[in-house]
Amino acid sequence: MPTFSTATVSASISTSTSPPDVASHEASAALLAATPVVIIAAQPSCFRRTRAVARAAGLGGPLTHLPATFVSSRDVLTKCCPGGYCGKGSRLKPAARAVMDGGMQAHRAAWTHVAKSGLPSVVLEDDVRLLGSADDVAYAVALCARRGCDLAYLGASFEMLFSHAYYLTPHAARRLLLSPHAKQWCNGHKQDYVMRWECTKPALTRLNCTRPPRGLYVGSKPLPTTPLPSSLLDWQGVLGWGLFVQDHSSTPSFTVTIARKRLFDGLNASEVHGLVHDRCATAPARL
């Protein structure tokens, strides 16, 4: 998997800082209200919390709950590490690879759902927080639709772009599923790297992708977008920028936390699911 600089990502993925066109606001809101939403959530309470986020963002279309996928290090050792050896480096350790394969499998399920439905959809992970408004989200989705884009990031970071909130077409979903870097098992990178690669590889073959249109918000006050101080990437436990961000303070990333504690080591898939706790019951939906 190639590496990317911020300049490469910025040059490859278009953005817009223009305010929404008032004349097209009604049509944009109607498009957003009909857009299906796929929510990747570990627990029913996480789904309900993220459903509230989606509705607050103006996403009124049908909702699909896809379970988060938890992979054990035992599974990785069996499928990916002949003779019990996975290679050198922390990224190749079974616990780290379990996190990568789990995330990839969950997003592959989302891409499969979108491809089969034939409808452009928004995909949300269960730790998202809404920083923009419904008008902002409507503008971003409508902008992608008008430009014929394949994938619109509704939340992002600088180099890694992330995968916690995005709008994608069935064409983009099929392309991601066919990517040689998005396997069901034995991945060397997480799904956000795969999406970034498909958006930034040579121009003739890459997807047409857009970044969030305005930058990072704190409440309703937009902050400067270029450059953003690095401290804003972890503002009050919030990670990223755009219309949706990841909030690891109120809804911590369960798979990463468990992997760091090595609690997946030696467990099978059913035992891993038994460790999942209900972390979303009281988490707020927005800042």
C-alpha atoms as a PDB file:
ATOM      1  CA  MET A   1       0.000   0.000   0.000  1.00  0.00           C
ATOM      2  CA  PRO A   2       1.547   3.336  -1.019  1.00  0.00           C
ATOM      3  CA  THR A   3       1.939   6.216   1.394  1.00  0.00           C
ATOM      4  CA  PHE A   4       0.451   9.654   0.826  1.00  0.00           C
ATOM      5  CA  SER A   5       1.342  13.176   1.803  1.00  0.00           C
ATOM      6  CA  THR A   6      -1.176  15.838   2.753  1.00  0.00           C
ATOM      7  CA  ALA A   7      -0.409  17.596  -0.524  1.00  0.00           C
ATOM      8  CA  THR A   8      -1.206  14.449  -2.516  1.00  0.00           C
ATOM      9  CA  VAL A   9      -4.535  13.999  -0.770  1.00  0.00           C
ATOM     10  CA  SER A  10      -5.472  17.669  -1.157  1.00  0.00           C
ATOM     11  CA  ALA A  11      -4.605  17.673  -4.850  1.00  0.00           C
ATOM     12  CA  SER A  12      -6.535  14.483  -5.588  1.00  0.00           C
ATOM     13  CA  ILE A  13      -9.755  15.101  -3.665  1.00  0.00           C
ATOM     14  CA  SER A  14     -11.804  18.159  -4.492  1.00  0.00           C
ATOM     15  CA  THR A  15     -13.275  20.481  -1.905  1.00  0.00           C
ATOM     16  CA  SER A  16     -15.490  23.544  -1.751  1.00  0.00           C
ATOM     17  CA  THR A  17     -15.653  26.387   0.733  1.00  0.00           C
ATOM     18  CA  SER A  18     -18.634  28.093  -0.893  1.00  0.00           C
ATOM     19  CA  PRO A  19     -21.787  28.460   1.203  1.00  0.00           C
ATOM     20  CA  PRO A  20     -24.886  26.488   0.202  1.00  0.00           C
ATOM     21  CA  ASP A  21     -26.928  27.881  -2.672  1.00  0.00           C
ATOM     22  CA  VAL A  22     -30.149  29.141  -1.089  1.00  0.00           C
ATOM     23  CA  ALA A  23     -32.093  28.525  -4.298  1.00  0.00           C
ATOM     24  CA  SER A  24     -31.238  24.834  -4.265  1.00  0.00           C
ATOM     25  CA  HIS A  25     -31.637  24.351  -0.516  1.00  0.00           C
ATOM     26  CA  GLU A  26     -35.076  22.772  -0.729  1.00  0.00           C
ATOM     27  CA  ALA A  27     -33.954  20.248  -3.352  1.00  0.00           C
ATOM     28  CA  SER A  28     -30.809  19.433  -1.358  1.00  0.00           C
ATOM     29  CA  ALA A  29     -32.793  18.849   1.820  1.00  0.00           C
ATOM     30  CA  ALA A  30     -35.228  16.609  -0.057  1.00  0.00           C
ATOM     31  CA  LEU A  31     -32.340  14.564  -1.465  1.00  0.00           C
ATOM     32  CA  LEU A  32     -30.841  14.157   2.002  1.00  0.00           C
ATOM     33  CA  ALA A  33     -34.200  13.202   3.516  1.00  0.00           C
ATOM     34  CA  ALA A  34     -34.476  10.297   1.060  1.00  0.00           C
ATOM     35  CA  THR A  35     -30.881   9.068   1.320  1.00  0.00           C
ATOM     36  CA  PRO A  36     -30.513   5.610   2.913  1.00  0.00           C
ATOM     37  CA  VAL A  37     -28.228   5.304   5.928  1.00  0.00           C
ATOM     38  CA  VAL A  38     -26.073   2.313   6.854  1.00  0.00           C
ATOM     39  CA  ILE A  39     -24.974   2.285  10.499  1.00  0.00           C
ATOM     40  CA  ILE A  40     -22.144   0.036  11.677  1.00  0.00           C
ATOM     41  CA  ALA A  41     -22.827  -0.459  15.380  1.00  0.00           C
ATOM     42  CA  ALA A  42     -21.731  -2.962  17.990  1.00  0.00           C
ATOM     43  CA  GLN A  43     -24.790  -2.800  20.238  1.00  0.00           C
ATOM     44  CA  PRO A  44     -28.482  -1.827  19.930  1.00  0.00           C
ATOM     45  CA  SER A  45     -27.868   1.251  22.089  1.00  0.00           C
ATOM     46  CA  CYS A  46     -25.003   2.280  19.770  1.00  0.00           C
ATOM     47  CA  PHE A  47     -27.347   1.930  16.789  1.00  0.00           C
ATOM     48  CA  ARG A  48     -30.046   3.998  18.516  1.00  0.00           C
ATOM     49  CA  ARG A  49     -27.556   6.713  19.430  1.00  0.00           C
ATOM     50  CA  THR A  50     -26.180   6.867  15.872  1.00  0.00           C
ATOM     51  CA  ARG A  51     -29.716   6.828  14.477  1.00  0.00           C
ATOM     52  CA  ALA A  52     -30.342   9.994  16.505  1.00  0.00           C
ATOM     53  CA  VAL A  53     -27.179  11.506  14.999  1.00  0.00           C
ATOM     54  CA  ALA A  54     -28.379  10.642  11.487  1.00  0.00           C
ATOM     55  CA  ARG A  55     -31.815  12.157  12.053  1.00  0.00           C
ATOM     56  CA  ALA A  56     -30.293  15.310  13.576  1.00  0.00           C
ATOM     57  CA  ALA A  57     -28.182  15.586  10.409  1.00  0.00           C
ATOM     58  CA  GLY A  58     -31.296  15.554   8.229  1.00  0.00           C
ATOM     59  CA  LEU A  59     -30.804  11.993   6.996  1.00  0.00           C
ATOM     60  CA  GLY A  60     -34.366  10.755   6.757  1.00  0.00           C
ATOM     61  CA  GLY A  61     -34.050   7.712   4.499  1.00  0.00           C
ATOM     62  CA  PRO A  62     -34.323   4.048   5.493  1.00  0.00           C
ATOM     63  CA  LEU A  63     -31.854   2.860   8.143  1.00  0.00           C
ATOM     64  CA  THR A  64     -29.881  -0.365   8.058  1.00  0.00           C
ATOM     65  CA  HIS A  65     -28.030  -1.678  11.116  1.00  0.00           C
ATOM     66  CA  LEU A  66     -24.950  -3.728  10.302  1.00  0.00           C
ATOM     67  CA  PRO A  67     -23.117  -5.224  13.286  1.00  0.00           C
ATOM     68  CA  ALA A  68     -19.557  -4.250  14.053  1.00  0.00           C
ATOM     69  CA  THR A  69     -17.218  -7.146  13.356  1.00  0.00           C
ATOM     70  CA  PHE A  70     -14.866  -8.365  16.071  1.00  0.00           C
ATOM     71  CA  VAL A  71     -12.023 -10.619  14.970  1.00  0.00           C
ATOM     72  CA  SER A  72      -9.861 -12.522  17.417  1.00  0.00           C
ATOM     73  CA  SER A  73      -6.109 -12.972  17.266  1.00  0.00           C
ATOM     74  CA  ARG A  74      -6.724 -16.706  17.154  1.00  0.00           C
ATOM     75  CA  ASP A  75      -8.650 -16.246  13.900  1.00  0.00           C
ATOM     76  CA  VAL A  76      -5.789 -14.184  12.466  1.00  0.00           C
ATOM     77  CA  LEU A  77      -3.196 -16.771  13.467  1.00  0.00           C
ATOM     78  CA  THR A  78      -5.222 -19.516  11.815  1.00  0.00           C
ATOM     79  CA  LYS A  79      -6.008 -17.703   8.560  1.00  0.00           C
ATOM     80  CA  CYS A  80      -3.085 -15.353   8.013  1.00  0.00           C
ATOM     81  CA  CYS A  81       0.005 -16.586   9.834  1.00  0.00           C
ATOM     82  CA  PRO A  82       1.435 -19.882   8.520  1.00  0.00           C
ATOM     83  CA  GLY A  83       3.279 -21.676  11.275  1.00  0.00           C
ATOM     84  CA  GLY A  84       2.075 -19.080  13.801  1.00  0.00           C
ATOM     85  CA  TYR A  85       4.372 -16.326  12.474  1.00  0.00           C
ATOM     86  CA  CYS A  86       2.717 -13.100  11.286  1.00  0.00           C
ATOM     87  CA  GLY A  87       5.831 -11.085  10.477  1.00  0.00           C
ATOM     88  CA  LYS A  88       7.855  -8.340  12.136  1.00  0.00           C
ATOM     89  CA  GLY A  89       6.536  -5.001  13.319  1.00  0.00           C
ATOM     90  CA  SER A  90       3.682  -3.930  15.567  1.00  0.00           C
ATOM     91  CA  ARG A  91       1.228  -3.611  12.661  1.00  0.00           C
ATOM     92  CA  LEU A  92       1.648  -7.289  11.847  1.00  0.00           C
ATOM     93  CA  LYS A  93       0.986  -8.604  15.329  1.00  0.00           C
ATOM     94  CA  PRO A  94      -2.163 -10.735  15.565  1.00  0.00           C
ATOM     95  CA  ALA A  95      -4.001  -8.273  17.836  1.00  0.00           C
ATOM     96  CA  ALA A  96      -3.337  -5.358  15.466  1.00  0.00           C
ATOM     97  CA  ARG A  97      -4.283  -7.366  12.399  1.00  0.00           C
ATOM     98  CA  ALA A  98      -7.477  -8.477  14.136  1.00  0.00           C
ATOM     99  CA  VAL A  99      -8.528  -4.832  14.446  1.00  0.00           C
ATOM    100  CA  MET A 100      -7.754  -4.187  10.775  1.00  0.00           C
ATOM    101  CA  ASP A 101      -9.629  -7.261   9.566  1.00  0.00           C
ATOM    102  CA  GLY A 102     -12.607  -6.550  11.814  1.00  0.00           C
ATOM    103  CA  GLY A 103     -12.983  -2.999  10.533  1.00  0.00           C
ATOM    104  CA  MET A 104     -12.487  -4.107   6.952  1.00  0.00           C
ATOM    105  CA  GLN A 105     -15.125  -6.826   7.216  1.00  0.00           C
ATOM    106  CA  ALA A 106     -17.671  -4.418   8.708  1.00  0.00           C
ATOM    107  CA  HIS A 107     -17.130  -1.853   5.954  1.00  0.00           C
ATOM    108  CA  ARG A 108     -17.094  -4.529   3.270  1.00  0.00           C
ATOM    109  CA  ALA A 109     -20.541  -5.519   4.547  1.00  0.00           C
ATOM    110  CA  ALA A 110     -21.643  -1.883   4.197  1.00  0.00           C
ATOM    111  CA  TRP A 111     -20.206  -1.642   0.670  1.00  0.00           C
ATOM    112  CA  THR A 112     -21.928  -4.897  -0.279  1.00  0.00           C
ATOM    113  CA  HIS A 113     -25.226  -3.575   1.030  1.00  0.00           C
ATOM    114  CA  VAL A 114     -24.909  -0.326  -0.957  1.00  0.00           C
ATOM    115  CA  ALA A 115     -23.846  -2.165  -4.128  1.00  0.00           C
ATOM    116  CA  LYS A 116     -26.807  -4.554  -3.913  1.00  0.00           C
ATOM    117  CA  SER A 117     -29.312  -1.806  -3.078  1.00  0.00           C
ATOM    118  CA  GLY A 118     -28.355   0.240  -6.126  1.00  0.00           C
ATOM    119  CA  LEU A 119     -28.859   3.432  -4.092  1.00  0.00           C
ATOM    120  CA  PRO A 120     -26.274   6.032  -3.017  1.00  0.00           C
ATOM    121  CA  SER A 121     -26.100   5.879   0.775  1.00  0.00           C
ATOM    122  CA  VAL A 122     -24.438   7.385   3.823  1.00  0.00           C
ATOM    123  CA  VAL A 123     -22.317   5.075   5.988  1.00  0.00           C
ATOM    124  CA  LEU A 124     -21.827   5.994   9.663  1.00  0.00           C
ATOM    125  CA  GLU A 125     -19.791   4.330  12.388  1.00  0.00           C
ATOM    126  CA  ASP A 126     -21.257   4.292  15.884  1.00  0.00           C
ATOM    127  CA  ASP A 127     -18.783   6.752  17.438  1.00  0.00           C
ATOM    128  CA  VAL A 128     -19.692   9.735  15.239  1.00  0.00           C
ATOM    129  CA  ARG A 129     -20.667  13.146  16.541  1.00  0.00           C
ATOM    130  CA  LEU A 130     -22.383  15.811  14.458  1.00  0.00           C
ATOM    131  CA  LEU A 131     -20.568  19.145  14.332  1.00  0.00           C
ATOM    132  CA  GLY A 132     -22.201  20.685  11.277  1.00  0.00           C
ATOM    133  CA  SER A 133     -25.902  21.229  10.666  1.00  0.00           C
ATOM    134  CA  ALA A 134     -28.477  19.418   8.560  1.00  0.00           C
ATOM    135  CA  ASP A 135     -28.080  22.209   5.979  1.00  0.00           C
ATOM    136  CA  ASP A 136     -24.333  21.566   5.804  1.00  0.00           C
ATOM    137  CA  VAL A 137     -24.820  17.816   5.312  1.00  0.00           C
ATOM    138  CA  ALA A 138     -27.495  18.436   2.656  1.00  0.00           C
ATOM    139  CA  TYR A 139     -25.095  20.744   0.828  1.00  0.00           C
ATOM    140  CA  ALA A 140     -22.260  18.198   0.896  1.00  0.00           C
ATOM    141  CA  VAL A 141     -24.428  15.334  -0.379  1.00  0.00           C
ATOM    142  CA  ALA A 142     -26.114  17.454  -3.037  1.00  0.00           C
ATOM    143  CA  LEU A 143     -22.744  18.814  -4.173  1.00  0.00           C
ATOM    144  CA  CYS A 144     -21.498  15.263  -4.693  1.00  0.00           C
ATOM    145  CA  ALA A 145     -24.666  14.313  -6.560  1.00  0.00           C
ATOM    146  CA  ARG A 146     -24.494  17.379  -8.844  1.00  0.00           C
ATOM    147  CA  ARG A 147     -20.831  16.798  -9.657  1.00  0.00           C
ATOM    148  CA  GLY A 148     -21.319  13.089 -10.258  1.00  0.00           C
ATOM    149  CA  CYS A 149     -18.825  12.196  -7.570  1.00  0.00           C
ATOM    150  CA  ASP A 150     -18.396   8.619  -6.349  1.00  0.00           C
ATOM    151  CA  LEU A 151     -17.606   9.198  -2.679  1.00  0.00           C
ATOM    152  CA  ALA A 152     -18.041  12.220  -0.428  1.00  0.00           C
ATOM    153  CA  TYR A 153     -16.236  12.375   2.887  1.00  0.00           C
ATOM    154  CA  LEU A 154     -18.579  13.899   5.465  1.00  0.00           C
ATOM    155  CA  GLY A 155     -15.836  13.724   8.071  1.00  0.00           C
ATOM    156  CA  ALA A 156     -12.105  13.405   7.587  1.00  0.00           C
ATOM    157  CA  SER A 157      -8.627  13.976   8.947  1.00  0.00           C
ATOM    158  CA  PHE A 158      -5.657  15.432   7.119  1.00  0.00           C
ATOM    159  CA  GLU A 159      -3.635  12.525   5.783  1.00  0.00           C
ATOM    160  CA  MET A 160      -5.711   9.512   6.855  1.00  0.00           C
ATOM    161  CA  LEU A 161      -9.149  10.813   5.751  1.00  0.00           C
ATOM    162  CA  PHE A 162     -10.908   8.260   8.011  1.00  0.00           C
ATOM    163  CA  SER A 163     -14.058   6.220   7.356  1.00  0.00           C
ATOM    164  CA  HIS A 164     -16.453   7.202  10.139  1.00  0.00           C
ATOM    165  CA  ALA A 165     -18.898   9.143   7.922  1.00  0.00           C
ATOM    166  CA  TYR A 166     -19.127   9.095   4.141  1.00  0.00           C
ATOM    167  CA  TYR A 167     -21.574   9.111   1.227  1.00  0.00           C
ATOM    168  CA  LEU A 168     -20.927   6.657  -1.577  1.00  0.00           C
ATOM    169  CA  THR A 169     -22.541   5.451  -4.760  1.00  0.00           C
ATOM    170  CA  PRO A 170     -23.093   1.801  -5.744  1.00  0.00           C
ATOM    171  CA  HIS A 171     -20.303   2.236  -8.320  1.00  0.00           C
ATOM    172  CA  ALA A 172     -17.863   3.316  -5.598  1.00  0.00           C
ATOM    173  CA  ALA A 173     -19.002   0.459  -3.379  1.00  0.00           C
ATOM    174  CA  ARG A 174     -18.285  -2.088  -6.112  1.00  0.00           C
ATOM    175  CA  ARG A 175     -14.877  -0.542  -6.774  1.00  0.00           C
ATOM    176  CA  LEU A 176     -13.942  -0.705  -3.107  1.00  0.00           C
ATOM    177  CA  LEU A 177     -15.022  -4.336  -2.892  1.00  0.00           C
ATOM    178  CA  LEU A 178     -12.801  -5.175  -5.864  1.00  0.00           C
ATOM    179  CA  SER A 179      -9.770  -3.319  -4.522  1.00  0.00           C
ATOM    180  CA  PRO A 180      -6.791  -5.637  -4.010  1.00  0.00           C
ATOM    181  CA  HIS A 181      -6.180  -3.822  -0.711  1.00  0.00           C
ATOM    182  CA  ALA A 182      -9.646  -4.608   0.717  1.00  0.00           C
ATOM    183  CA  LYS A 183      -9.578  -8.313   1.435  1.00  0.00           C
ATOM    184  CA  GLN A 184     -11.878 -10.165   3.786  1.00  0.00           C
ATOM    185  CA  TRP A 185      -8.870 -11.429   5.756  1.00  0.00           C
ATOM    186  CA  CYS A 186      -5.168 -10.754   6.215  1.00  0.00           C
ATOM    187  CA  ASN A 187      -5.149  -7.029   5.521  1.00  0.00           C
ATOM    188  CA  GLY A 188      -2.094  -4.875   6.103  1.00  0.00           C
ATOM    189  CA  HIS A 189      -4.115  -1.660   6.459  1.00  0.00           C
ATOM    190  CA  LYS A 190      -7.510  -0.500   7.666  1.00  0.00           C
ATOM    191  CA  GLN A 191     -10.411   0.414   5.407  1.00  0.00           C
ATOM    192  CA  ASP A 192      -9.673   4.139   5.538  1.00  0.00           C
ATOM    193  CA  TYR A 193      -6.341   3.541   3.777  1.00  0.00           C
ATOM    194  CA  VAL A 194      -8.143   1.598   1.053  1.00  0.00           C
ATOM    195  CA  MET A 195     -10.672   4.363   0.509  1.00  0.00           C
ATOM    196  CA  ARG A 196      -7.899   6.953   0.385  1.00  0.00           C
ATOM    197  CA  TRP A 197      -5.974   4.875  -2.144  1.00  0.00           C
ATOM    198  CA  GLU A 198      -9.007   4.536  -4.413  1.00  0.00           C
ATOM    199  CA  CYS A 199      -9.543   8.305  -4.190  1.00  0.00           C
ATOM    200  CA  THR A 200      -5.929   9.372  -4.801  1.00  0.00           C
ATOM    201  CA  LYS A 201      -4.356   6.823  -7.145  1.00  0.00           C
ATOM    202  CA  PRO A 202      -3.559   7.842 -10.775  1.00  0.00           C
ATOM    203  CA  ALA A 203      -6.244  10.086 -12.225  1.00  0.00           C
ATOM    204  CA  LEU A 204      -7.512   7.782 -14.960  1.00  0.00           C
ATOM    205  CA  THR A 205      -8.445   5.029 -12.517  1.00  0.00           C
ATOM    206  CA  ARG A 206      -9.268   6.746  -9.237  1.00  0.00           C
ATOM    207  CA  LEU A 207     -12.704   7.415  -7.817  1.00  0.00           C
ATOM    208  CA  ASN A 208     -14.086  10.951  -7.957  1.00  0.00           C
ATOM    209  CA  CYS A 209     -14.104  11.926  -4.276  1.00  0.00           C
ATOM    210  CA  THR A 210     -14.888  15.114  -2.347  1.00  0.00           C
ATOM    211  CA  ARG A 211     -13.850  16.286   1.111  1.00  0.00           C
ATOM    212  CA  PRO A 212     -16.164  17.947   3.637  1.00  0.00           C
ATOM    213  CA  PRO A 213     -17.089  21.348   2.187  1.00  0.00           C
ATOM    214  CA  ARG A 214     -16.300  23.737   5.031  1.00  0.00           C
ATOM    215  CA  GLY A 215     -13.823  22.443   7.570  1.00  0.00           C
ATOM    216  CA  LEU A 216     -13.995  21.915  11.310  1.00  0.00           C
ATOM    217  CA  TYR A 217     -16.850  23.270  13.381  1.00  0.00           C
ATOM    218  CA  VAL A 218     -17.092  23.942  17.088  1.00  0.00           C
ATOM    219  CA  GLY A 219     -20.810  24.283  17.659  1.00  0.00           C
ATOM    220  CA  SER A 220     -22.060  26.594  14.921  1.00  0.00           C
ATOM    221  CA  LYS A 221     -18.819  28.576  14.623  1.00  0.00           C
ATOM    222  CA  PRO A 222     -16.598  27.523  11.711  1.00  0.00           C
ATOM    223  CA  LEU A 223     -12.873  27.606  12.369  1.00  0.00           C
ATOM    224  CA  PRO A 224     -10.177  28.385   9.771  1.00  0.00           C
ATOM    225  CA  THR A 225      -9.657  25.448   7.440  1.00  0.00           C
ATOM    226  CA  THR A 226      -6.117  26.071   6.117  1.00  0.00           C
ATOM    227  CA  PRO A 227      -4.069  25.338   8.037  1.00  0.00           C
ATOM    228  CA  LEU A 228      -5.761  23.928  11.118  1.00  0.00           C
ATOM    229  CA  PRO A 229      -3.702  23.727  14.314  1.00  0.00           C
ATOM    230  CA  SER A 230      -2.839  20.114  15.065  1.00  0.00           C
ATOM    231  CA  SER A 231      -4.361  20.520  18.541  1.00  0.00           C
ATOM    232  CA  LEU A 232      -7.806  20.718  16.962  1.00  0.00           C
ATOM    233  CA  LEU A 233      -7.485  17.110  15.876  1.00  0.00           C
ATOM    234  CA  ASP A 234      -8.064  16.089  19.467  1.00  0.00           C
ATOM    235  CA  TRP A 235     -10.324  18.891  20.660  1.00  0.00           C
ATOM    236  CA  GLN A 236     -12.107  17.720  23.833  1.00  0.00           C
ATOM    237  CA  GLY A 237     -11.644  14.088  22.822  1.00  0.00           C
ATOM    238  CA  VAL A 238     -12.927  14.720  19.286  1.00  0.00           C
ATOM    239  CA  LEU A 239     -10.877  13.347  16.410  1.00  0.00           C
ATOM    240  CA  GLY A 240     -10.999  14.706  12.876  1.00  0.00           C
ATOM    241  CA  TRP A 241     -12.715  17.554  11.075  1.00  0.00           C
ATOM    242  CA  GLY A 242     -15.710  18.103   8.843  1.00  0.00           C
ATOM    243  CA  LEU A 243     -19.425  17.719   9.437  1.00  0.00           C
ATOM    244  CA  PHE A 244     -19.052  14.540  11.489  1.00  0.00           C
ATOM    245  CA  VAL A 245     -16.147  13.680  13.780  1.00  0.00           C
ATOM    246  CA  GLN A 246     -15.186  10.672  15.869  1.00  0.00           C
ATOM    247  CA  ASP A 247     -15.684  11.051  19.597  1.00  0.00           C
ATOM    248  CA  HIS A 248     -13.450   8.612  21.441  1.00  0.00           C
ATOM    249  CA  SER A 249     -14.112  10.260  24.785  1.00  0.00           C
ATOM    250  CA  SER A 250     -17.784   9.372  25.164  1.00  0.00           C
ATOM    251  CA  THR A 251     -17.827   6.389  22.811  1.00  0.00           C
ATOM    252  CA  PRO A 252     -14.299   4.952  22.862  1.00  0.00           C
ATOM    253  CA  SER A 253     -13.161   2.727  20.037  1.00  0.00           C
ATOM    254  CA  PHE A 254     -13.823  -0.668  21.588  1.00  0.00           C
ATOM    255  CA  THR A 255     -11.770  -2.754  19.192  1.00  0.00           C
ATOM    256  CA  VAL A 256      -8.671  -0.573  19.546  1.00  0.00           C
ATOM    257  CA  THR A 257      -8.973  -0.454  23.345  1.00  0.00           C
ATOM    258  CA  ILE A 258      -9.323  -4.206  23.658  1.00  0.00           C
ATOM    259  CA  ALA A 259      -6.544  -4.896  21.171  1.00  0.00           C
ATOM    260  CA  ARG A 260      -4.142  -2.657  23.073  1.00  0.00           C
ATOM    261  CA  LYS A 261      -4.921  -4.593  26.253  1.00  0.00           C
ATOM    262  CA  ARG A 262      -4.400  -7.844  24.313  1.00  0.00           C
ATOM    263  CA  LEU A 263      -7.751  -9.133  25.563  1.00  0.00           C
ATOM    264  CA  PHE A 264      -8.443 -10.659  22.133  1.00  0.00           C
ATOM    265  CA  ASP A 265      -5.384 -12.895  22.291  1.00  0.00           C
ATOM    266  CA  GLY A 266      -6.306 -16.557  22.190  1.00  0.00           C
ATOM    267  CA  LEU A 267     -10.059 -15.942  21.895  1.00  0.00           C
ATOM    268  CA  ASN A 268     -12.371 -17.159  19.172  1.00  0.00           C
ATOM    269  CA  ALA A 269     -15.005 -14.941  17.537  1.00  0.00           C
ATOM    270  CA  SER A 270     -17.868 -15.832  19.883  1.00  0.00           C
ATOM    271  CA  GLU A 271     -15.696 -15.191  22.933  1.00  0.00           C
ATOM    272  CA  VAL A 272     -14.658 -11.818  21.531  1.00  0.00           C
ATOM    273  CA  HIS A 273     -18.298 -10.794  21.109  1.00  0.00           C
ATOM    274  CA  GLY A 274     -18.824 -11.728  24.751  1.00  0.00           C
ATOM    275  CA  LEU A 275     -16.407  -8.958  25.768  1.00  0.00           C
ATOM    276  CA  VAL A 276     -18.368  -6.199  24.042  1.00  0.00           C
ATOM    277  CA  HIS A 277     -19.840  -3.809  26.564  1.00  0.00           C
ATOM    278  CA  ASP A 278     -22.737  -1.419  26.072  1.00  0.00           C
ATOM    279  CA  ARG A 279     -20.746   1.796  25.709  1.00  0.00           C
ATOM    280  CA  CYS A 280     -23.318   3.961  23.906  1.00  0.00           C
ATOM    281  CA  ALA A 281     -26.256   3.944  26.296  1.00  0.00           C
ATOM    282  CA  THR A 282     -25.663   7.467  27.640  1.00  0.00           C
ATOM    283  CA  ALA A 283     -23.358   8.955  24.996  1.00  0.00           C
ATOM    284  CA  PRO A 284     -24.496  12.295  23.538  1.00  0.00           C
ATOM    285  CA  ALA A 285     -25.219  12.624  19.820  1.00  0.00           C
ATOM    286  CA  ARG A 286     -23.668  16.010  19.183  1.00  0.00           C
ATOM    287  CA  LEU A 287     -21.538  18.751  20.727  1.00  0.00           C
END
